Amino acid sequence: MKTSFAAVDLGATSGRVVLGTFSDVGAAPMAFELDEVHRFPNNPMMIEGELCWDVESLFEQTLIGLSHAFVCAQDNNSTLSGIAVDSWGVDYGLVDESLALVGPVRHYRAAEEAYVYRANMLVSPRDAYVRTGITELPINTCFQLIRDCQQGLLTQGVTALLIPDLWTAWLTGVKGSERTIASTTGLLDWESHDWAYDLAHKWGIPGSVLSEVVETGSMAGPTLASITDRIGAVNPIPVYRAPAHDTASAFAAVTSPDTDAAVVSCGTWALVGCLNPEPVFTCNAEQAGLTNEVAADGSALLVRNLSGTWLLEECLRTWSAHDCSVKPEDIEALRFDLLAAAEGESAQVIGTIDCGAPQLIGTRDMPAEILALYQQTHGDVVGSPELGRHQIVRLILESLAESFAQTISSIGEIAHRSFHQVIMIGGGSRISQLVRLTEHATGLSVQLRHQEATSIGNICVQAVSAGIFDSIDQARAATNTDGN
């Protein structure tokens, strides 16, 4: 007996649909197979001078991927028993009562600092942190909604749906806010695990714009008839609310609150931390930039958000734009050459930069931003550095590793945790130099786990929801992502 689940994993630079198939269901042990059936680029676009997500194209590619997943399941003599969507946090679409968008879906990198200042005049950052556990960043949903309110967009009948909740609504016709993704907004109260409506009111955000918070693992509903037909299925397919925040899905695949391992999930963003039984709201945690999001099992996802491989990719984009001889298809070769050159003695740099620095979030000239931060941090030692491209790549790798190490050390002290190893997942784990530098910086062994951890965590929770397993721990063991 076989049963399959499709994970729609939307990343900041690409999306994918992955099919997870469990064989010998009900037997011990079960077999597990993972197939990436469709991958597609996520290319933001400028709309009326603002950076936005091309959601129409992304959703179209999602449906293409789901149709491939259905065919793949059939070819494997399996049944597609569920679908779930996860994505990055904070961003959302504003929809009317028919679930049609009332405007473009803005990109978090278009966020404005001015709305943070406005929010702080109404609610102190400390008061907001002890309620929501979320560190103050301009990209946070709460600040973006303040902007929408000021621009008159939050009118009667409009609902804000975070990206995976928007996809789920378009697949099923059912609105809702899955708890892990809701926790990224800066609007979810940790004690009640419901919206902090009083905070929203103080910020001028109407409570009516927030859809009901729903449990992780619950079923949103079956696919709409039009979606079922488009996928190629005869019968509607259940759509589950797996951990909709991609970080929560990734951590669910590789760790639990009682482990002695810290986790580095390094992709476009690098999320460094652990699952903790309880959130940590101390001043030290806030000052260290630690955020408390909700994990798949309801524990605290205690992490620091850092710029990840985005730093390297943005440098490559800038350099290729300035070098007419480099075509888009040459970017991968350029990346390989620069990573190889960064190994040499000539690539040595003095000191590192903080990969959590806010100036690294934007979409400006990344090499210039990195050099400016390097000069600001080490100017008294290095003077006016004229770093070559291979040296900037080395600086990025060393800075990421050092930022990982400092974050793990801070969490250990602040949360009274003792870590004996590091689990590394995501695209960054493919960069062998980064893995070695992380081992050196942390002084801990680094274990590489499945690069598709996000999709596996998504699939594990679906399988629990469908009754295949009794717990995430059982599902994780069956997918063999626990290192055994």
Protein backbone atom coordinates (compact mmCIF):
# COMPACT_ATOMS: atom_id res chain seq x y z
CA MET A 1 0.00 0.00 0.00
CA LYS A 2 1.32 3.43 -0.97
CA THR A 3 0.16 6.93 -0.19
CA SER A 4 1.62 10.25 -1.33
CA PHE A 5 1.56 13.87 -0.23
CA ALA A 6 2.50 16.96 -2.24
CA ALA A 7 4.43 19.78 -0.58
CA VAL A 8 4.31 23.17 -2.27
CA ASP A 9 7.42 24.95 -1.02
CA LEU A 10 7.64 28.60 -2.05
CA GLY A 11 11.04 30.18 -1.53
CA ALA A 12 12.17 33.75 -2.01
CA THR A 13 14.11 32.89 -5.17
CA SER A 14 12.42 29.71 -6.39
CA GLY A 15 9.48 27.44 -5.78
CA ARG A 16 9.07 23.70 -5.98
CA VAL A 17 6.48 20.98 -5.73
CA VAL A 18 7.78 17.84 -4.04
CA LEU A 19 6.02 14.49 -3.78
CA GLY A 20 6.63 12.32 -0.73
CA THR A 21 5.49 8.69 -0.96
CA PHE A 22 5.20 6.24 1.92
CA SER A 23 5.23 2.57 0.94
CA ASP A 24 4.18 -0.43 3.00
CA VAL A 25 1.86 1.80 5.01
CA GLY A 26 0.97 0.09 8.26
CA ALA A 27 4.06 -2.10 8.18
CA ALA A 28 7.28 -1.61 10.08
CA PRO A 29 9.45 -0.19 8.76
CA MET A 30 7.83 1.90 6.05
CA ALA A 31 9.74 2.98 2.97
CA PHE A 32 9.87 6.63 1.94
CA GLU A 33 10.62 8.20 -1.42
CA LEU A 34 10.95 11.90 -2.26
CA ASP A 35 10.55 13.27 -5.79
CA GLU A 36 10.93 16.88 -6.83
CA VAL A 37 8.37 16.98 -9.62
CA HIS A 38 8.53 20.66 -10.54
CA ARG A 39 10.85 23.58 -9.80
CA PHE A 40 10.30 27.13 -11.00
CA PRO A 41 11.93 30.54 -10.55
CA ASN A 42 10.47 33.21 -8.30
CA ASN A 43 11.22 36.47 -10.07
CA PRO A 44 9.81 39.57 -8.34
CA MET A 45 8.57 42.41 -10.52
CA MET A 46 8.23 46.18 -10.28
CA ILE A 47 4.63 47.42 -10.16
CA GLU A 48 4.09 51.17 -10.00
CA GLY A 49 7.61 51.65 -8.70
CA GLU A 50 7.40 49.02 -5.93
CA LEU A 51 8.97 45.59 -5.75
CA CYS A 52 6.19 42.97 -5.74
CA TRP A 53 5.74 39.23 -6.02
CA ASP A 54 4.44 37.84 -9.31
CA VAL A 55 1.78 35.79 -7.55
CA GLU A 56 -0.22 34.97 -10.69
CA SER A 57 2.79 33.28 -12.26
CA LEU A 58 3.73 31.55 -9.01
CA PHE A 59 0.24 30.13 -8.51
CA GLU A 60 0.10 28.99 -12.14
CA GLN A 61 3.41 27.17 -11.66
CA THR A 62 2.04 25.65 -8.45
CA LEU A 63 -0.88 24.15 -10.37
CA ILE A 64 1.46 22.81 -13.04
CA GLY A 65 3.53 21.22 -10.28
CA LEU A 66 0.49 19.69 -8.61
CA SER A 67 -0.61 18.16 -11.90
CA HIS A 68 2.86 16.63 -12.23
CA ALA A 69 2.60 15.36 -8.64
CA PHE A 70 -0.72 13.68 -9.40
CA VAL A 71 0.72 11.94 -12.47
CA CYS A 72 3.86 10.94 -10.56
CA ALA A 73 1.75 9.41 -7.78
CA GLN A 74 -0.25 7.44 -10.33
CA ASP A 75 2.93 6.23 -12.03
CA ASN A 76 4.15 5.03 -8.62
CA ASN A 77 0.87 3.14 -8.07
CA SER A 78 0.13 5.51 -5.22
CA THR A 79 -2.68 7.87 -4.24
CA LEU A 80 -2.22 11.61 -3.85
CA SER A 81 -3.72 11.93 -0.38
CA GLY A 82 -2.90 15.51 0.52
CA ILE A 83 -1.48 18.89 -0.43
CA ALA A 84 0.02 21.58 1.79
CA VAL A 85 1.78 24.89 1.17
CA ASP A 86 4.65 26.56 2.99
CA SER A 87 6.58 29.75 2.26
CA TRP A 88 8.67 32.56 3.70
CA GLY A 89 7.03 34.66 6.40
CA VAL A 90 5.61 38.18 6.81
CA ASP A 91 4.28 38.89 3.28
CA TYR A 92 0.59 38.75 2.42
CA GLY A 93 -2.05 39.51 -0.17
CA LEU A 94 -5.11 41.66 0.44
CA VAL A 95 -8.22 39.94 -0.90
CA ASP A 96 -11.91 40.79 -1.13
CA GLU A 97 -14.75 38.48 -0.14
CA SER A 98 -14.40 36.55 -3.41
CA LEU A 99 -10.68 35.96 -2.65
CA ALA A 100 -9.61 38.24 -5.51
CA LEU A 101 -6.57 40.41 -4.86
CA VAL A 102 -7.38 44.08 -4.38
CA GLY A 103 -3.83 45.16 -5.16
CA PRO A 104 -0.28 43.91 -5.81
CA VAL A 105 1.43 41.67 -3.25
CA ARG A 106 4.39 43.71 -2.09
CA HIS A 107 7.82 42.20 -1.48
CA TYR A 108 9.23 42.44 2.05
CA ARG A 109 12.36 44.11 0.64
CA ALA A 110 10.14 47.08 -0.25
CA ALA A 111 9.39 47.67 3.45
CA GLU A 112 9.92 51.16 4.84
CA GLU A 113 11.60 52.09 8.13
CA ALA A 114 9.21 55.01 8.68
CA TYR A 115 6.38 52.70 9.73
CA VAL A 116 8.53 51.17 12.47
CA TYR A 117 9.00 54.62 13.99
CA ARG A 118 5.28 55.27 13.73
CA ALA A 119 4.49 51.97 15.46
CA ASN A 120 6.95 52.70 18.27
CA MET A 121 5.17 55.95 19.04
CA LEU A 122 2.02 53.94 19.74
CA VAL A 123 3.41 50.78 21.39
CA SER A 124 6.88 50.44 22.92
CA PRO A 125 9.08 47.82 21.23
CA ARG A 126 9.55 46.11 24.58
CA ASP A 127 5.80 45.77 25.17
CA ALA A 128 5.34 44.34 21.68
CA TYR A 129 8.21 41.88 22.14
CA VAL A 130 6.95 40.40 25.40
CA ARG A 131 3.55 39.84 23.81
CA THR A 132 4.57 38.48 20.41
CA GLY A 133 8.20 37.41 20.83
CA ILE A 134 9.08 38.98 17.46
CA THR A 135 12.10 41.19 16.99
CA GLU A 136 11.63 44.58 15.39
CA LEU A 137 12.36 44.56 11.65
CA PRO A 138 10.82 46.85 8.99
CA ILE A 139 9.74 43.76 7.02
CA ASN A 140 7.37 42.58 9.78
CA THR A 141 3.74 42.18 8.75
CA CYS A 142 2.50 44.49 11.49
CA PHE A 143 4.51 47.40 10.06
CA GLN A 144 3.45 46.61 6.50
CA LEU A 145 -0.20 46.60 7.60
CA ILE A 146 0.28 50.00 9.27
CA ARG A 147 1.43 51.27 5.88
CA ASP A 148 -1.62 49.72 4.17
CA CYS A 149 -3.89 51.31 6.76
CA GLN A 150 -2.30 54.72 6.22
CA GLN A 151 -2.83 54.29 2.47
CA GLY A 152 -6.52 53.45 2.93
CA LEU A 153 -6.25 49.86 1.70
CA LEU A 154 -7.74 48.10 4.73
CA THR A 155 -11.37 48.75 3.89
CA GLN A 156 -14.45 46.78 4.88
CA GLY A 157 -14.46 43.24 3.51
CA VAL A 158 -10.69 43.11 2.88
CA THR A 159 -8.68 40.29 4.46
CA ALA A 160 -4.90 39.96 4.69
CA LEU A 161 -3.79 36.40 3.89
CA LEU A 162 -0.16 35.45 4.35
CA ILE A 163 1.33 33.82 1.24
CA PRO A 164 0.71 30.13 2.11
CA ASP A 165 -2.74 30.97 3.50
CA LEU A 166 -3.49 32.80 0.25
CA TRP A 167 -2.51 29.70 -1.75
CA THR A 168 -4.62 27.48 0.51
CA ALA A 169 -7.61 29.80 0.07
CA TRP A 170 -7.23 29.72 -3.70
CA LEU A 171 -6.99 25.92 -3.64
CA THR A 172 -9.98 25.37 -1.33
CA GLY A 173 -12.02 28.58 -1.11
CA VAL A 174 -11.44 28.58 2.67
CA LYS A 175 -9.75 31.45 4.54
CA GLY A 176 -7.65 30.96 7.65
CA SER A 177 -4.32 31.82 9.26
CA GLU A 178 -2.17 28.79 10.07
CA ARG A 179 -0.47 29.33 13.40
CA THR A 180 3.24 29.01 12.51
CA ILE A 181 3.02 31.53 9.67
CA ALA A 182 0.79 33.82 11.77
CA SER A 183 3.55 33.91 14.38
CA THR A 184 5.88 35.70 11.93
CA THR A 185 3.62 38.75 11.76
CA GLY A 186 4.38 40.48 15.08
CA LEU A 187 0.63 40.28 15.78
CA LEU A 188 0.21 36.84 17.38
CA ASP A 189 -0.06 36.75 21.17
CA TRP A 190 2.15 33.99 22.58
CA GLU A 191 0.00 33.32 25.64
CA SER A 192 -3.28 32.86 23.81
CA HIS A 193 -1.85 31.74 20.43
CA ASP A 194 -4.47 34.05 18.93
CA TRP A 195 -4.25 37.52 17.43
CA ALA A 196 -3.23 40.32 19.79
CA TYR A 197 -6.24 42.40 18.78
CA ASP A 198 -5.44 45.11 21.31
CA LEU A 199 -2.00 45.68 19.73
CA ALA A 200 -3.56 45.77 16.28
CA HIS A 201 -6.09 48.33 17.52
CA LYS A 202 -3.37 50.56 18.98
CA TRP A 203 -1.54 50.45 15.66
CA GLY A 204 -4.73 51.32 13.79
CA ILE A 205 -5.01 47.90 12.13
CA PRO A 206 -8.66 46.77 11.99
CA GLY A 207 -9.15 43.33 13.54
CA SER A 208 -11.47 42.42 10.67
CA VAL A 209 -8.51 42.22 8.31
CA LEU A 210 -7.11 39.23 10.25
CA SER A 211 -8.60 35.83 9.44
CA GLU A 212 -9.18 33.19 12.11
CA VAL A 213 -6.04 31.51 13.46
CA VAL A 214 -6.24 27.77 12.78
CA GLU A 215 -4.30 24.79 14.11
CA THR A 216 -1.19 23.46 12.44
CA GLY A 217 -2.05 20.14 10.83
CA SER A 218 -5.76 20.85 10.45
CA MET A 219 -7.46 20.23 7.12
CA ALA A 220 -8.47 23.40 5.32
CA GLY A 221 -10.80 21.54 2.99
CA PRO A 222 -10.87 19.66 -0.31
CA THR A 223 -9.67 21.22 -3.55
CA LEU A 224 -12.24 23.27 -5.42
CA ALA A 225 -13.79 21.59 -8.46
CA SER A 226 -11.86 23.88 -10.82
CA ILE A 227 -8.58 23.07 -9.06
CA THR A 228 -9.34 19.33 -9.00
CA ASP A 229 -9.94 19.41 -12.76
CA ARG A 230 -6.79 21.43 -13.36
CA ILE A 231 -4.67 18.96 -11.40
CA GLY A 232 -6.19 16.12 -13.40
CA ALA A 233 -7.78 14.33 -10.46
CA VAL A 234 -11.20 12.70 -10.50
CA ASN A 235 -11.98 13.38 -6.84
CA PRO A 236 -11.13 16.41 -4.69
CA ILE A 237 -7.82 16.19 -2.80
CA PRO A 238 -7.53 17.17 0.89
CA VAL A 239 -5.55 20.36 1.50
CA TYR A 240 -3.86 20.42 4.91
CA ARG A 241 -2.37 23.26 6.88
CA ALA A 242 1.09 21.84 7.43
CA PRO A 243 3.54 24.25 9.09
CA ALA A 244 3.01 27.09 6.62
CA HIS A 245 6.17 28.89 7.69
CA ASP A 246 8.99 27.19 5.79
CA THR A 247 11.34 27.44 8.76
CA ALA A 248 8.85 25.65 11.00
CA SER A 249 8.51 22.87 8.41
CA ALA A 250 12.29 22.57 8.04
CA PHE A 251 12.92 22.37 11.80
CA ALA A 252 10.11 19.78 12.15
CA ALA A 253 12.01 17.51 9.76
CA VAL A 254 15.28 17.48 11.70
CA THR A 255 14.89 18.32 15.37
CA SER A 256 12.76 18.40 18.52
CA PRO A 257 12.75 20.61 21.66
CA ASP A 258 14.72 18.10 23.74
CA THR A 259 17.68 17.68 21.38
CA ASP A 260 21.21 18.91 22.07
CA ALA A 261 21.61 20.19 18.51
CA ALA A 262 21.40 23.73 17.21
CA VAL A 263 20.05 24.12 13.68
CA VAL A 264 21.34 26.28 10.84
CA SER A 265 18.83 26.53 8.00
CA CYS A 266 20.76 28.42 5.36
CA GLY A 267 19.03 29.52 2.19
CA THR A 268 18.22 33.03 0.97
CA TRP A 269 17.73 33.73 4.66
CA ALA A 270 19.74 31.93 7.34
CA LEU A 271 17.72 30.96 10.41
CA VAL A 272 19.91 29.89 13.29
CA GLY A 273 18.59 28.51 16.57
CA CYS A 274 16.68 25.67 18.14
CA LEU A 275 13.30 24.44 19.23
CA ASN A 276 12.76 25.51 22.83
CA PRO A 277 10.00 24.27 25.14
CA GLU A 278 9.02 27.86 25.96
CA PRO A 279 9.57 31.28 24.38
CA VAL A 280 12.23 33.57 25.85
CA PHE A 281 11.17 37.21 26.29
CA THR A 282 14.09 38.55 28.31
CA CYS A 283 15.80 41.83 27.52
CA ASN A 284 18.93 39.86 26.62
CA ALA A 285 16.98 37.82 24.07
CA GLU A 286 15.52 40.96 22.55
CA GLN A 287 18.88 42.71 22.38
CA ALA A 288 20.44 39.64 20.78
CA GLY A 289 17.83 39.80 18.02
CA LEU A 290 16.23 36.48 18.93
CA THR A 291 12.74 35.91 17.65
CA ASN A 292 10.20 33.47 19.11
CA GLU A 293 8.05 31.97 16.39
CA VAL A 294 5.65 29.04 16.82
CA ALA A 295 7.03 25.65 15.82
CA ALA A 296 5.06 22.81 14.27
CA ASP A 297 4.54 21.14 17.64
CA GLY A 298 3.60 24.38 19.43
CA SER A 299 7.02 24.87 21.04
CA ALA A 300 9.09 28.00 20.45
CA LEU A 301 11.20 28.36 17.34
CA LEU A 302 13.94 30.43 18.98
CA VAL A 303 16.06 31.79 16.14
CA ARG A 304 17.93 34.77 14.80
CA ASN A 305 17.24 35.85 11.23
CA LEU A 306 20.37 36.50 9.18
CA SER A 307 20.93 37.27 5.53
CA GLY A 308 22.05 33.96 4.03
CA THR A 309 23.07 32.92 0.53
CA TRP A 310 21.23 36.07 -0.60
CA LEU A 311 24.51 37.91 0.05
CA LEU A 312 26.39 35.77 -2.46
CA GLU A 313 23.57 35.71 -5.01
CA GLU A 314 23.15 39.49 -4.92
CA CYS A 315 26.89 40.00 -5.39
CA LEU A 316 26.81 37.64 -8.37
CA ARG A 317 23.84 39.52 -9.79
CA THR A 318 25.59 42.88 -9.41
CA TRP A 319 28.88 41.66 -10.87
CA SER A 320 27.18 39.99 -13.84
CA ALA A 321 25.17 43.15 -14.52
CA HIS A 322 28.40 45.19 -14.60
CA ASP A 323 30.21 42.64 -16.77
CA CYS A 324 28.65 42.46 -20.20
CA SER A 325 30.62 39.28 -20.95
CA VAL A 326 28.69 37.36 -18.29
CA LYS A 327 25.37 36.03 -19.57
CA PRO A 328 22.60 34.70 -17.29
CA GLU A 329 23.54 31.13 -18.17
CA ASP A 330 27.11 31.86 -17.03
CA ILE A 331 26.12 32.78 -13.45
CA GLU A 332 26.57 29.23 -12.15
CA ALA A 333 30.07 29.02 -13.64
CA LEU A 334 30.93 32.41 -12.12
CA ARG A 335 29.71 31.20 -8.71
CA PHE A 336 31.84 28.05 -8.98
CA ASP A 337 34.95 30.00 -10.02
CA LEU A 338 34.61 32.55 -7.23
CA LEU A 339 33.98 29.90 -4.56
CA ALA A 340 37.09 28.06 -5.76
CA ALA A 341 39.16 31.28 -5.73
CA ALA A 342 37.88 32.06 -2.21
CA GLU A 343 39.76 28.95 -0.98
CA GLY A 344 43.18 30.43 -1.80
CA GLU A 345 45.60 32.26 0.47
CA SER A 346 45.13 35.46 -1.54
CA ALA A 347 41.46 35.52 -0.46
CA GLN A 348 42.30 35.95 3.22
CA VAL A 349 40.45 38.82 4.94
CA ILE A 350 40.77 40.41 8.37
CA GLY A 351 37.67 40.04 10.50
CA THR A 352 34.03 39.49 9.56
CA ILE A 353 30.74 41.39 9.35
CA ASP A 354 27.41 40.76 11.08
CA CYS A 355 25.12 38.99 8.62
CA GLY A 356 22.15 40.18 10.67
CA ALA A 357 22.89 43.84 9.89
CA PRO A 358 19.72 45.55 8.59
CA GLN A 359 21.51 47.26 5.68
CA LEU A 360 22.04 43.82 4.11
CA ILE A 361 18.29 43.26 3.67
CA GLY A 362 17.80 45.67 0.76
CA THR A 363 18.26 45.25 -2.98
CA ARG A 364 20.92 47.86 -3.63
CA ASP A 365 24.55 47.30 -4.69
CA MET A 366 25.39 44.37 -2.38
CA PRO A 367 29.19 44.38 -2.87
CA ALA A 368 29.22 48.09 -1.96
CA GLU A 369 27.00 47.47 1.09
CA ILE A 370 29.29 44.67 2.27
CA LEU A 371 32.43 46.75 1.80
CA ALA A 372 30.85 49.71 3.64
CA LEU A 373 29.90 47.47 6.58
CA TYR A 374 33.37 45.89 6.55
CA GLN A 375 35.00 49.34 6.63
CA GLN A 376 32.64 50.46 9.40
CA THR A 377 33.48 47.37 11.46
CA HIS A 378 37.22 47.08 10.85
CA GLY A 379 38.29 50.44 9.44
CA ASP A 380 40.90 51.02 12.13
CA VAL A 381 42.60 47.75 11.12
CA VAL A 382 42.17 47.48 7.37
CA GLY A 383 42.13 51.14 6.34
CA SER A 384 40.27 51.54 3.04
CA PRO A 385 40.05 47.99 1.71
CA GLU A 386 39.84 47.34 -1.99
CA LEU A 387 38.72 43.75 -1.80
CA GLY A 388 38.55 41.69 -4.95
CA ARG A 389 35.55 39.59 -5.85
CA HIS A 390 37.07 36.38 -4.47
CA GLN A 391 37.89 38.17 -1.22
CA ILE A 392 34.30 39.42 -0.89
CA VAL A 393 33.07 35.85 -1.38
CA ARG A 394 35.50 34.68 1.33
CA LEU A 395 34.30 37.50 3.59
CA ILE A 396 30.67 36.40 3.07
CA LEU A 397 31.47 32.77 3.93
CA GLU A 398 33.54 33.61 7.00
CA SER A 399 30.95 36.13 8.16
CA LEU A 400 28.11 33.66 7.81
CA ALA A 401 30.03 31.03 9.80
CA GLU A 402 30.96 33.53 12.52
CA SER A 403 27.38 34.85 12.68
CA PHE A 404 26.14 31.26 13.03
CA ALA A 405 28.60 30.64 15.86
CA GLN A 406 27.81 33.86 17.74
CA THR A 407 24.08 33.20 17.48
CA ILE A 408 24.39 29.63 18.74
CA SER A 409 26.52 30.83 21.64
CA SER A 410 24.03 33.60 22.50
CA ILE A 411 21.07 31.23 22.45
CA GLY A 412 22.93 28.77 24.64
CA GLU A 413 23.58 31.46 27.25
CA ILE A 414 20.19 33.15 27.07
CA ALA A 415 18.04 29.99 26.95
CA HIS A 416 20.33 27.97 29.25
CA ARG A 417 20.88 25.35 26.57
CA SER A 418 23.97 23.24 25.96
CA PHE A 419 24.55 22.38 22.30
CA HIS A 420 26.88 19.58 21.28
CA GLN A 421 26.36 19.57 17.53
CA VAL A 422 25.01 21.63 14.65
CA ILE A 423 22.48 20.36 12.13
CA MET A 424 22.85 22.21 8.84
CA ILE A 425 20.14 22.18 6.16
CA GLY A 426 19.20 24.22 3.11
CA GLY A 427 21.08 25.33 0.02
CA GLY A 428 23.98 26.72 2.06
CA SER A 429 24.83 23.21 3.21
CA ARG A 430 25.93 22.49 -0.38
CA ILE A 431 28.82 24.95 0.01
CA SER A 432 31.60 22.80 1.45
CA GLN A 433 33.71 25.80 2.53
CA LEU A 434 30.80 27.18 4.53
CA VAL A 435 30.33 23.85 6.30
CA ARG A 436 34.02 23.65 7.21
CA LEU A 437 34.12 27.29 8.36
CA THR A 438 31.01 26.67 10.50
CA GLU A 439 32.66 23.71 12.18
CA HIS A 440 35.73 25.82 12.89
CA ALA A 441 33.78 28.86 14.16
CA THR A 442 31.44 26.88 16.42
CA GLY A 443 33.91 24.23 17.55
CA LEU A 444 31.09 21.70 17.05
CA SER A 445 30.57 18.88 14.60
CA VAL A 446 28.24 19.79 11.74
CA GLN A 447 25.80 17.18 10.51
CA LEU A 448 24.28 17.71 7.08
CA ARG A 449 20.67 16.67 6.79
CA HIS A 450 18.34 16.51 3.83
CA GLN A 451 18.53 19.64 1.68
CA GLU A 452 14.78 19.39 1.12
CA ALA A 453 14.06 19.46 4.86
CA THR A 454 11.30 22.04 4.41
CA SER A 455 9.34 19.80 2.05
CA ILE A 456 9.94 16.76 4.26
CA GLY A 457 8.65 18.57 7.36
CA ASN A 458 5.59 19.68 5.41
CA ILE A 459 4.97 16.09 4.26
CA CYS A 460 5.54 14.66 7.76
CA VAL A 461 2.83 16.85 9.26
CA GLN A 462 0.43 15.99 6.43
CA ALA A 463 1.04 12.30 7.08
CA VAL A 464 0.26 12.77 10.79
CA SER A 465 -2.89 14.73 9.92
CA ALA A 466 -4.01 11.95 7.56
CA GLY A 467 -3.56 9.35 10.30
CA ILE A 468 -0.54 7.59 8.82
CA PHE A 469 1.50 8.38 11.95
CA ASP A 470 0.65 9.28 15.53
CA SER A 471 3.33 11.96 15.90
CA ILE A 472 5.85 14.11 14.05
CA ASP A 473 8.61 12.06 15.70
CA GLN A 474 7.26 8.87 14.09
CA ALA A 475 6.93 10.54 10.70
CA ARG A 476 10.44 12.02 10.95
CA ALA A 477 11.88 8.58 11.73
CA ALA A 478 10.05 7.07 8.73
CA THR A 479 11.53 9.66 6.37
CA ASN A 480 14.98 8.89 7.76
CA THR A 481 15.84 12.56 8.27
CA ASP A 482 17.00 12.10 11.84
CA GLY A 483 20.44 10.89 10.84
CA ASN A 484 19.85 7.22 11.70
